[in-house]
Structures are given as structure tokens and as C-alpha cells.
């Protein structure tokens, strides 16, 4: 995780396009400027960044499902629940599943776990649209860097 750059996902562990499911890994850094203010002397990952982590895993799932033909943009977060605090050094497992795709929208359900225990979950809605000029290549590069299989079929991440 590079919290200050909103790069939340470190690697894709598994992608199953047929089942519409992804599992990803995010390692919370031991130090980050984010922790200096949230909270001094008691560093915690802000809930909005946990939401962003679920949104990014879900977004990569939608990108893979659509074959990188369109870009998913987060438009709604429903039923978000934060069940425990997350501090520096935590290794997070993120799972997302595709609930709906069609008419320019996608819906996912996502959850974050640490040491097998639930930390957060939410239902996320995305608007799928053509890539803005210049965004396609950086998104593909980032997807490859985290091990998102860009080809057809199911696959393991790196």
C-alpha cells in the first residue's frame, strides 16, 4: 500500500472471471504521512481508505470482467461497515464479487479481512464508461504490476 498515492492493492491473489470474483492482498505500511494525523500516537488507517481499498479491488474485478474495454468509476457506497481498527503493518485480504453488470453499471460486494477476522465490508456501485484519454495505458500497467491477469479465462495473480 502506498496510502498517500491511493495505491491500495499490492497484489492480486486470485481472479475468477466466470464466477465474478477476485481476491487481493494489501499490506499496510509501517509508516506513512497518513498516520501522522490519524491519530497522533495511535495510528489507524482511515475508514475512507479501507473503502477505497475495497473499491480498487472491485474496480480491478470489473476491469477484468469487461476485458479492459471500459473504466469503472466509483459512484456509490452502500451498507459500509467497519468492524475493527486497522493499524500499521497489517496484512489485509480483500475479496470482491460481482453482483451485477449491465446498462453501464456494475455492482460488487467487497470485504476486508485480517488474520481471518472481518474488518470491513460494503456494497459498491460503479459507472462503466470509456477510458478518459491517456488513462488506459497507466491502468493496464498498474494491473500488470499487481498481477491482474489481462488475458481471458481464470487465473492466479503473481
N, C-alpha and C. Protein backbone atom coordinates (compact mmCIF):
# COMPACT_ATOMS: atom_id res chain seq x y z
N UNK A 1 0.83 -1.19 0.00
CA UNK A 1 0.00 0.00 0.00
C UNK A 1 0.87 1.25 0.00
N UNK A 2 0.51 2.15 -0.84
CA UNK A 2 1.12 3.48 -0.80
C UNK A 2 -0.04 4.44 -0.53
N UNK A 3 -0.36 4.59 0.75
CA UNK A 3 -1.56 5.31 1.16
C UNK A 3 -1.64 6.71 0.57
N UNK A 4 -0.54 7.43 0.63
CA UNK A 4 -0.56 8.83 0.17
C UNK A 4 -0.74 8.95 -1.34
N UNK A 5 -0.56 7.86 -2.08
CA UNK A 5 -0.76 7.87 -3.54
C UNK A 5 -2.02 7.10 -3.95
N UNK A 6 -2.78 6.65 -2.96
CA UNK A 6 -4.01 5.89 -3.20
C UNK A 6 -3.76 4.63 -4.01
N UNK A 7 -2.59 4.03 -3.86
CA UNK A 7 -2.31 2.72 -4.45
C UNK A 7 -2.49 1.70 -3.33
N UNK A 8 -3.68 1.13 -3.26
CA UNK A 8 -4.06 0.34 -2.10
C UNK A 8 -3.77 -1.15 -2.27
N UNK A 9 -3.87 -1.66 -3.46
CA UNK A 9 -3.72 -3.10 -3.70
C UNK A 9 -2.26 -3.42 -4.04
N UNK A 10 -1.68 -4.36 -3.30
CA UNK A 10 -0.30 -4.77 -3.57
C UNK A 10 -0.23 -5.90 -4.58
N UNK A 11 -1.19 -6.83 -4.51
CA UNK A 11 -1.17 -7.93 -5.47
C UNK A 11 -2.54 -8.59 -5.56
N UNK A 12 -2.79 -9.17 -6.73
CA UNK A 12 -3.99 -9.97 -6.95
C UNK A 12 -3.60 -11.41 -6.67
N UNK A 13 -4.29 -12.05 -5.76
CA UNK A 13 -4.00 -13.43 -5.40
C UNK A 13 -4.76 -14.40 -6.30
N UNK A 14 -5.99 -14.04 -6.66
CA UNK A 14 -6.81 -14.93 -7.49
C UNK A 14 -7.88 -14.11 -8.20
N UNK A 15 -8.12 -14.47 -9.43
CA UNK A 15 -9.20 -13.87 -10.22
C UNK A 15 -9.95 -14.99 -10.90
N UNK A 16 -11.25 -15.00 -10.74
CA UNK A 16 -12.11 -15.96 -11.43
C UNK A 16 -13.16 -15.16 -12.19
N UNK A 17 -12.90 -14.95 -13.47
CA UNK A 17 -13.83 -14.15 -14.28
C UNK A 17 -15.20 -14.80 -14.39
N UNK A 18 -15.23 -16.12 -14.55
CA UNK A 18 -16.52 -16.83 -14.69
C UNK A 18 -17.38 -16.66 -13.45
N UNK A 19 -16.79 -16.78 -12.29
CA UNK A 19 -17.54 -16.64 -11.04
C UNK A 19 -17.69 -15.17 -10.64
N UNK A 20 -16.95 -14.28 -11.32
CA UNK A 20 -17.01 -12.86 -10.98
C UNK A 20 -16.46 -12.60 -9.59
N UNK A 21 -15.24 -13.08 -9.35
CA UNK A 21 -14.65 -12.99 -8.01
C UNK A 21 -13.16 -12.68 -8.09
N UNK A 22 -12.70 -11.85 -7.15
CA UNK A 22 -11.28 -11.52 -7.05
C UNK A 22 -10.87 -11.58 -5.58
N UNK A 23 -9.62 -11.97 -5.36
CA UNK A 23 -9.03 -11.91 -4.03
C UNK A 23 -7.71 -11.17 -4.18
N UNK A 24 -7.49 -10.19 -3.32
CA UNK A 24 -6.30 -9.36 -3.41
C UNK A 24 -5.66 -9.21 -2.03
N UNK A 25 -4.42 -8.74 -2.05
CA UNK A 25 -3.64 -8.54 -0.84
C UNK A 25 -3.22 -7.08 -0.75
N UNK A 26 -3.30 -6.53 0.45
CA UNK A 26 -2.82 -5.17 0.71
C UNK A 26 -2.07 -5.19 2.04
N UNK A 27 -0.85 -4.71 2.01
CA UNK A 27 -0.04 -4.63 3.23
C UNK A 27 0.02 -3.17 3.67
N UNK A 28 -0.48 -2.92 4.86
CA UNK A 28 -0.45 -1.56 5.41
C UNK A 28 1.00 -1.24 5.77
N UNK A 29 1.52 -0.11 5.30
CA UNK A 29 2.91 0.21 5.62
C UNK A 29 3.10 0.46 7.12
N UNK A 30 4.33 0.26 7.57
CA UNK A 30 4.64 0.53 8.97
C UNK A 30 4.64 2.03 9.26
N UNK A 31 4.97 2.82 8.24
CA UNK A 31 5.00 4.28 8.41
C UNK A 31 4.37 4.92 7.19
N UNK A 32 3.64 6.00 7.41
CA UNK A 32 3.03 6.76 6.33
C UNK A 32 2.66 8.14 6.87
N UNK A 33 2.76 9.17 6.03
CA UNK A 33 2.32 10.50 6.48
C UNK A 33 0.85 10.51 6.94
N UNK A 34 0.06 9.58 6.43
CA UNK A 34 -1.35 9.50 6.83
C UNK A 34 -1.46 9.28 8.33
N UNK A 35 -0.55 8.48 8.89
CA UNK A 35 -0.63 8.15 10.32
C UNK A 35 -0.25 9.31 11.23
N UNK A 36 0.45 10.31 10.67
CA UNK A 36 0.87 11.45 11.49
C UNK A 36 -0.34 12.22 12.03
N UNK A 37 -1.42 12.24 11.27
CA UNK A 37 -2.60 12.97 11.72
C UNK A 37 -3.77 12.09 12.09
N UNK A 38 -3.65 10.79 11.84
CA UNK A 38 -4.79 9.87 12.07
C UNK A 38 -4.31 8.65 12.81
N UNK A 39 -4.12 8.67 14.01
CA UNK A 39 -4.17 9.74 15.00
C UNK A 39 -2.80 9.84 15.64
N UNK A 40 -2.35 11.04 16.03
CA UNK A 40 -1.03 11.18 16.64
C UNK A 40 -0.88 10.25 17.85
N UNK A 41 0.14 9.40 17.79
CA UNK A 41 0.39 8.47 18.88
C UNK A 41 -0.45 7.21 18.84
N UNK A 42 -1.45 7.15 17.99
CA UNK A 42 -2.32 5.97 17.85
C UNK A 42 -2.71 5.83 16.37
N UNK A 43 -1.75 5.40 15.52
CA UNK A 43 -2.00 5.38 14.08
C UNK A 43 -3.06 4.36 13.65
N UNK A 44 -4.02 4.82 12.87
CA UNK A 44 -5.08 3.96 12.32
C UNK A 44 -5.30 4.30 10.86
N UNK A 45 -5.61 3.28 10.07
CA UNK A 45 -5.97 3.50 8.67
C UNK A 45 -7.38 4.11 8.67
N UNK A 46 -7.55 5.28 8.03
CA UNK A 46 -8.88 5.89 7.98
C UNK A 46 -9.89 4.99 7.25
N UNK A 47 -11.11 5.00 7.71
CA UNK A 47 -12.17 4.21 7.08
C UNK A 47 -12.35 4.51 5.61
N UNK A 48 -12.13 5.75 5.22
CA UNK A 48 -12.28 6.11 3.81
C UNK A 48 -11.23 5.39 2.96
N UNK A 49 -10.05 5.13 3.53
CA UNK A 49 -9.02 4.40 2.78
C UNK A 49 -9.32 2.90 2.74
N UNK A 50 -9.99 2.38 3.76
CA UNK A 50 -10.45 0.99 3.70
C UNK A 50 -11.52 0.85 2.63
N UNK A 51 -12.40 1.84 2.54
CA UNK A 51 -13.42 1.85 1.49
C UNK A 51 -12.75 1.91 0.12
N UNK A 52 -11.74 2.76 -0.01
CA UNK A 52 -11.01 2.86 -1.28
C UNK A 52 -10.33 1.54 -1.62
N UNK A 53 -9.83 0.83 -0.63
CA UNK A 53 -9.20 -0.47 -0.86
C UNK A 53 -10.21 -1.45 -1.44
N UNK A 54 -11.40 -1.49 -0.87
CA UNK A 54 -12.46 -2.37 -1.40
C UNK A 54 -12.86 -1.93 -2.80
N UNK A 55 -12.93 -0.62 -3.02
CA UNK A 55 -13.30 -0.09 -4.33
C UNK A 55 -12.25 -0.45 -5.39
N UNK A 56 -10.97 -0.39 -5.02
CA UNK A 56 -9.94 -0.72 -6.00
C UNK A 56 -9.96 -2.20 -6.35
N UNK A 57 -10.10 -3.07 -5.36
CA UNK A 57 -10.20 -4.50 -5.66
C UNK A 57 -11.41 -4.75 -6.56
N UNK A 58 -12.53 -4.14 -6.23
CA UNK A 58 -13.74 -4.28 -7.04
C UNK A 58 -13.53 -3.72 -8.44
N UNK A 59 -12.86 -2.59 -8.52
CA UNK A 59 -12.60 -1.97 -9.82
C UNK A 59 -11.75 -2.85 -10.71
N UNK A 60 -10.73 -3.49 -10.13
CA UNK A 60 -9.91 -4.41 -10.92
C UNK A 60 -10.74 -5.61 -11.38
N UNK A 61 -11.64 -6.07 -10.54
CA UNK A 61 -12.54 -7.16 -10.95
C UNK A 61 -13.39 -6.73 -12.14
N UNK A 62 -13.97 -5.55 -12.07
CA UNK A 62 -14.81 -5.05 -13.16
C UNK A 62 -13.98 -4.85 -14.42
N UNK A 63 -12.79 -4.28 -14.29
CA UNK A 63 -11.90 -4.11 -15.45
C UNK A 63 -11.64 -5.45 -16.13
N UNK A 64 -11.31 -6.46 -15.34
CA UNK A 64 -11.03 -7.78 -15.90
C UNK A 64 -12.28 -8.38 -16.53
N UNK A 65 -13.42 -8.22 -15.86
CA UNK A 65 -14.69 -8.74 -16.37
C UNK A 65 -15.03 -8.12 -17.72
N UNK A 66 -14.75 -6.84 -17.86
CA UNK A 66 -15.05 -6.11 -19.11
C UNK A 66 -13.91 -6.19 -20.12
N UNK A 67 -12.86 -6.93 -19.80
CA UNK A 67 -11.73 -7.05 -20.72
C UNK A 67 -11.03 -5.73 -20.99
N UNK A 68 -11.01 -4.86 -20.00
CA UNK A 68 -10.39 -3.54 -20.11
C UNK A 68 -11.02 -2.70 -21.23
N UNK A 69 -12.26 -2.99 -21.57
CA UNK A 69 -12.96 -2.22 -22.61
C UNK A 69 -13.51 -0.91 -22.07
N UNK A 70 -13.79 -0.87 -20.76
CA UNK A 70 -14.32 0.34 -20.14
C UNK A 70 -13.72 0.50 -18.75
N UNK A 71 -13.78 1.73 -18.24
CA UNK A 71 -13.23 2.06 -16.93
C UNK A 71 -14.36 2.17 -15.92
N UNK A 72 -14.24 1.48 -14.77
CA UNK A 72 -15.25 1.63 -13.72
C UNK A 72 -14.92 2.82 -12.82
N UNK A 73 -15.90 3.68 -12.61
CA UNK A 73 -15.75 4.83 -11.72
C UNK A 73 -16.71 4.65 -10.54
N UNK A 74 -16.17 4.70 -9.33
CA UNK A 74 -16.99 4.53 -8.13
C UNK A 74 -18.04 5.63 -8.07
N UNK A 75 -19.29 5.22 -7.87
CA UNK A 75 -20.36 6.22 -7.78
C UNK A 75 -21.19 6.11 -6.52
N UNK A 76 -21.13 4.96 -5.82
CA UNK A 76 -21.90 4.84 -4.58
C UNK A 76 -21.31 3.76 -3.69
N UNK A 77 -21.41 4.00 -2.40
CA UNK A 77 -21.00 3.03 -1.39
C UNK A 77 -22.21 2.82 -0.49
N UNK A 78 -22.67 1.59 -0.42
CA UNK A 78 -23.84 1.27 0.40
C UNK A 78 -23.47 0.24 1.46
N UNK A 79 -24.17 0.31 2.56
CA UNK A 79 -24.07 -0.69 3.63
C UNK A 79 -22.63 -0.90 4.12
N UNK A 80 -21.85 0.16 4.16
CA UNK A 80 -20.46 0.04 4.63
C UNK A 80 -20.44 -0.19 6.13
N UNK A 81 -19.62 -1.15 6.55
CA UNK A 81 -19.46 -1.47 7.96
C UNK A 81 -17.97 -1.61 8.26
N UNK A 82 -17.56 -0.99 9.36
CA UNK A 82 -16.18 -1.11 9.83
C UNK A 82 -16.25 -1.80 11.18
N UNK A 83 -15.62 -2.96 11.26
CA UNK A 83 -15.79 -3.82 12.43
C UNK A 83 -14.62 -3.81 13.40
N UNK A 84 -13.46 -3.34 12.95
CA UNK A 84 -12.27 -3.31 13.81
C UNK A 84 -11.31 -2.25 13.28
N UNK A 85 -10.39 -1.84 14.14
CA UNK A 85 -9.37 -0.88 13.74
C UNK A 85 -8.27 -1.57 12.96
N UNK A 86 -7.64 -0.83 12.06
CA UNK A 86 -6.52 -1.34 11.26
C UNK A 86 -5.33 -0.41 11.49
N UNK A 87 -4.23 -1.00 11.93
CA UNK A 87 -3.04 -0.21 12.19
C UNK A 87 -1.90 -0.54 11.25
N UNK A 88 -0.77 0.10 11.45
CA UNK A 88 0.41 -0.14 10.62
C UNK A 88 0.83 -1.62 10.66
N UNK A 89 1.33 -2.10 9.52
CA UNK A 89 1.86 -3.45 9.43
C UNK A 89 0.84 -4.55 9.19
N UNK A 90 -0.44 -4.22 9.16
CA UNK A 90 -1.47 -5.25 8.95
C UNK A 90 -1.43 -5.77 7.51
N UNK A 91 -1.64 -7.07 7.36
CA UNK A 91 -1.77 -7.69 6.05
C UNK A 91 -3.25 -7.95 5.82
N UNK A 92 -3.80 -7.32 4.82
CA UNK A 92 -5.23 -7.38 4.57
C UNK A 92 -5.55 -8.24 3.36
N UNK A 93 -6.58 -9.04 3.48
CA UNK A 93 -7.11 -9.82 2.36
C UNK A 93 -8.42 -9.17 1.94
N UNK A 94 -8.52 -8.86 0.67
CA UNK A 94 -9.72 -8.22 0.14
C UNK A 94 -10.38 -9.18 -0.84
N UNK A 95 -11.65 -9.40 -0.66
CA UNK A 95 -12.42 -10.22 -1.58
C UNK A 95 -13.56 -9.38 -2.14
N UNK A 96 -13.80 -9.52 -3.42
CA UNK A 96 -14.92 -8.82 -4.04
C UNK A 96 -15.59 -9.76 -5.02
N UNK A 97 -16.90 -9.63 -5.11
CA UNK A 97 -17.65 -10.44 -6.07
C UNK A 97 -18.59 -9.53 -6.84
N UNK A 98 -18.75 -9.86 -8.11
CA UNK A 98 -19.61 -9.09 -9.00
C UNK A 98 -21.06 -9.52 -8.79
N UNK A 99 -21.90 -8.57 -8.46
CA UNK A 99 -23.32 -8.82 -8.21
C UNK A 99 -24.14 -8.52 -9.46
N UNK A 100 -23.74 -7.44 -10.19
CA UNK A 100 -24.48 -7.02 -11.38
C UNK A 100 -23.55 -6.30 -12.34
N UNK A 101 -23.77 -6.52 -13.61
CA UNK A 101 -23.09 -5.75 -14.65
C UNK A 101 -24.05 -5.59 -15.81
N UNK A 102 -24.28 -4.36 -16.22
CA UNK A 102 -25.14 -4.10 -17.37
C UNK A 102 -25.61 -2.67 -17.39
N UNK A 103 -25.99 -2.21 -18.57
CA UNK A 103 -26.51 -0.85 -18.76
C UNK A 103 -25.57 0.23 -18.26
N UNK A 104 -24.26 -0.03 -18.36
CA UNK A 104 -23.29 0.97 -17.96
C UNK A 104 -23.01 1.04 -16.47
N UNK A 105 -23.46 0.03 -15.73
CA UNK A 105 -23.25 0.00 -14.28
C UNK A 105 -22.74 -1.37 -13.85
N UNK A 106 -22.02 -1.38 -12.75
CA UNK A 106 -21.60 -2.64 -12.13
C UNK A 106 -21.76 -2.49 -10.62
N UNK A 107 -22.13 -3.58 -9.99
CA UNK A 107 -22.29 -3.61 -8.53
C UNK A 107 -21.45 -4.75 -7.99
N UNK A 108 -20.72 -4.48 -6.92
CA UNK A 108 -19.93 -5.52 -6.26
C UNK A 108 -20.24 -5.53 -4.77
N UNK A 109 -19.92 -6.66 -4.16
CA UNK A 109 -19.88 -6.77 -2.70
C UNK A 109 -18.43 -7.06 -2.37
N UNK A 110 -17.90 -6.33 -1.39
CA UNK A 110 -16.49 -6.49 -1.05
C UNK A 110 -16.32 -6.57 0.46
N UNK A 111 -15.25 -7.23 0.87
CA UNK A 111 -14.94 -7.37 2.29
C UNK A 111 -13.43 -7.39 2.49
N UNK A 112 -13.01 -6.91 3.65
CA UNK A 112 -11.60 -6.95 4.04
C UNK A 112 -11.51 -7.78 5.31
N UNK A 113 -10.48 -8.65 5.32
CA UNK A 113 -10.20 -9.48 6.50
C UNK A 113 -8.73 -9.32 6.89
N UNK A 114 -8.49 -9.50 8.18
CA UNK A 114 -7.12 -9.51 8.70
C UNK A 114 -7.03 -10.68 9.67
N UNK A 115 -6.06 -11.56 9.43
CA UNK A 115 -5.89 -12.75 10.27
C UNK A 115 -7.19 -13.54 10.36
N UNK A 116 -7.92 -13.58 9.25
CA UNK A 116 -9.16 -14.34 9.18
C UNK A 116 -10.38 -13.66 9.77
N UNK A 117 -10.20 -12.50 10.37
CA UNK A 117 -11.32 -11.81 11.01
C UNK A 117 -11.83 -10.67 10.13
N UNK A 118 -13.15 -10.49 10.07
CA UNK A 118 -13.72 -9.41 9.25
C UNK A 118 -13.38 -8.04 9.80
N UNK A 119 -12.95 -7.14 8.90
CA UNK A 119 -12.63 -5.77 9.28
C UNK A 119 -13.63 -4.78 8.71
N UNK A 120 -13.99 -4.99 7.45
CA UNK A 120 -14.88 -4.04 6.78
C UNK A 120 -15.57 -4.74 5.62
N UNK A 121 -16.75 -4.25 5.28
CA UNK A 121 -17.45 -4.74 4.09
C UNK A 121 -18.38 -3.65 3.57
N UNK A 122 -18.72 -3.75 2.30
CA UNK A 122 -19.58 -2.76 1.67
C UNK A 122 -20.11 -3.29 0.34
N UNK A 123 -21.15 -2.65 -0.11
CA UNK A 123 -21.66 -2.86 -1.46
C UNK A 123 -21.27 -1.62 -2.25
N UNK A 124 -20.67 -1.81 -3.42
CA UNK A 124 -20.12 -0.70 -4.20
C UNK A 124 -20.75 -0.66 -5.59
N UNK A 125 -21.08 0.54 -6.04
CA UNK A 125 -21.64 0.70 -7.38
C UNK A 125 -20.70 1.54 -8.23
N UNK A 126 -20.55 1.11 -9.47
CA UNK A 126 -19.65 1.77 -10.42
C UNK A 126 -20.40 2.15 -11.69
N UNK A 127 -20.01 3.25 -12.27
CA UNK A 127 -20.45 3.63 -13.62
C UNK A 127 -19.32 3.19 -14.53
N UNK A 128 -19.63 2.41 -15.57
CA UNK A 128 -18.61 1.98 -16.51
C UNK A 128 -18.71 2.85 -17.76
N UNK A 129 -17.57 3.42 -18.14
CA UNK A 129 -17.52 4.38 -19.24
C UNK A 129 -16.23 4.17 -20.04
N UNK A 130 -16.20 4.73 -21.24
CA UNK A 130 -14.94 4.68 -22.00
C UNK A 130 -13.81 5.32 -21.18
N UNK A 131 -12.60 4.80 -21.36
CA UNK A 131 -11.45 5.36 -20.66
C UNK A 131 -11.26 6.82 -21.06
N UNK A 132 -11.02 7.70 -20.10
CA UNK A 132 -10.63 9.06 -20.46
C UNK A 132 -9.30 9.02 -21.21
N UNK A 133 -9.06 9.97 -22.09
CA UNK A 133 -7.81 9.97 -22.86
C UNK A 133 -6.59 9.87 -21.94
N UNK A 134 -5.71 8.93 -22.27
CA UNK A 134 -4.46 8.77 -21.53
C UNK A 134 -4.53 7.90 -20.28
N UNK A 135 -5.71 7.39 -19.91
CA UNK A 135 -5.82 6.60 -18.68
C UNK A 135 -5.70 5.10 -18.93
N UNK A 136 -5.98 4.65 -20.14
CA UNK A 136 -5.96 3.22 -20.44
C UNK A 136 -4.58 2.59 -20.16
N UNK A 137 -3.53 3.17 -20.71
CA UNK A 137 -2.18 2.60 -20.56
C UNK A 137 -1.72 2.56 -19.10
N UNK A 138 -1.87 3.64 -18.32
CA UNK A 138 -1.46 3.55 -16.91
C UNK A 138 -2.26 2.52 -16.12
N UNK A 139 -3.54 2.35 -16.43
CA UNK A 139 -4.34 1.35 -15.73
C UNK A 139 -3.87 -0.06 -16.08
N UNK A 140 -3.58 -0.31 -17.33
CA UNK A 140 -3.05 -1.62 -17.73
C UNK A 140 -1.69 -1.89 -17.08
N UNK A 141 -0.85 -0.87 -17.03
CA UNK A 141 0.47 -1.01 -16.41
C UNK A 141 0.33 -1.34 -14.93
N UNK A 142 -0.54 -0.63 -14.23
CA UNK A 142 -0.76 -0.90 -12.80
C UNK A 142 -1.34 -2.30 -12.60
N UNK A 143 -2.28 -2.69 -13.45
CA UNK A 143 -2.89 -4.02 -13.35
C UNK A 143 -1.83 -5.11 -13.52
N UNK A 144 -0.95 -4.93 -14.48
CA UNK A 144 0.12 -5.91 -14.68
C UNK A 144 1.06 -5.94 -13.49
N UNK A 145 1.36 -4.78 -12.93
CA UNK A 145 2.29 -4.69 -11.80
C UNK A 145 1.76 -5.43 -10.57
N UNK A 146 0.44 -5.43 -10.37
CA UNK A 146 -0.12 -6.11 -9.20
C UNK A 146 -0.51 -7.57 -9.51
N UNK A 147 -0.29 -8.00 -10.76
CA UNK A 147 -0.54 -9.39 -11.11
C UNK A 147 -1.95 -9.70 -11.56
N UNK A 148 -2.69 -8.69 -12.02
CA UNK A 148 -4.04 -8.93 -12.55
C UNK A 148 -3.89 -9.58 -13.92
N UNK A 149 -4.38 -10.79 -14.11
CA UNK A 149 -4.29 -11.42 -15.43
C UNK A 149 -5.08 -10.62 -16.46
N UNK A 150 -4.40 -10.22 -17.53
CA UNK A 150 -5.05 -9.41 -18.55
C UNK A 150 -5.67 -10.24 -19.66
N UNK A 151 -5.31 -11.53 -19.73
CA UNK A 151 -5.86 -12.41 -20.77
C UNK A 151 -7.22 -12.96 -20.38
N UNK A 152 -7.76 -13.83 -21.21
CA UNK A 152 -9.07 -14.42 -20.96
C UNK A 152 -8.95 -15.57 -19.97
N UNK A 153 -10.08 -15.94 -19.39
CA UNK A 153 -10.14 -17.11 -18.51
C UNK A 153 -9.86 -16.76 -17.06
N UNK A 154 -9.73 -17.79 -16.23
CA UNK A 154 -9.43 -17.57 -14.82
C UNK A 154 -7.94 -17.61 -14.64
N UNK A 155 -7.48 -17.16 -13.52
CA UNK A 155 -6.05 -17.22 -13.32
C UNK A 155 -5.64 -16.77 -11.94
N UNK A 156 -4.43 -17.12 -11.59
CA UNK A 156 -3.82 -16.67 -10.35
C UNK A 156 -3.09 -15.39 -10.62
N UNK A 157 -3.03 -14.53 -9.64
CA UNK A 157 -2.19 -13.36 -9.73
C UNK A 157 -0.75 -13.77 -9.51
N UNK A 158 0.14 -12.82 -9.49
CA UNK A 158 1.55 -13.16 -9.27
C UNK A 158 1.86 -13.24 -7.81
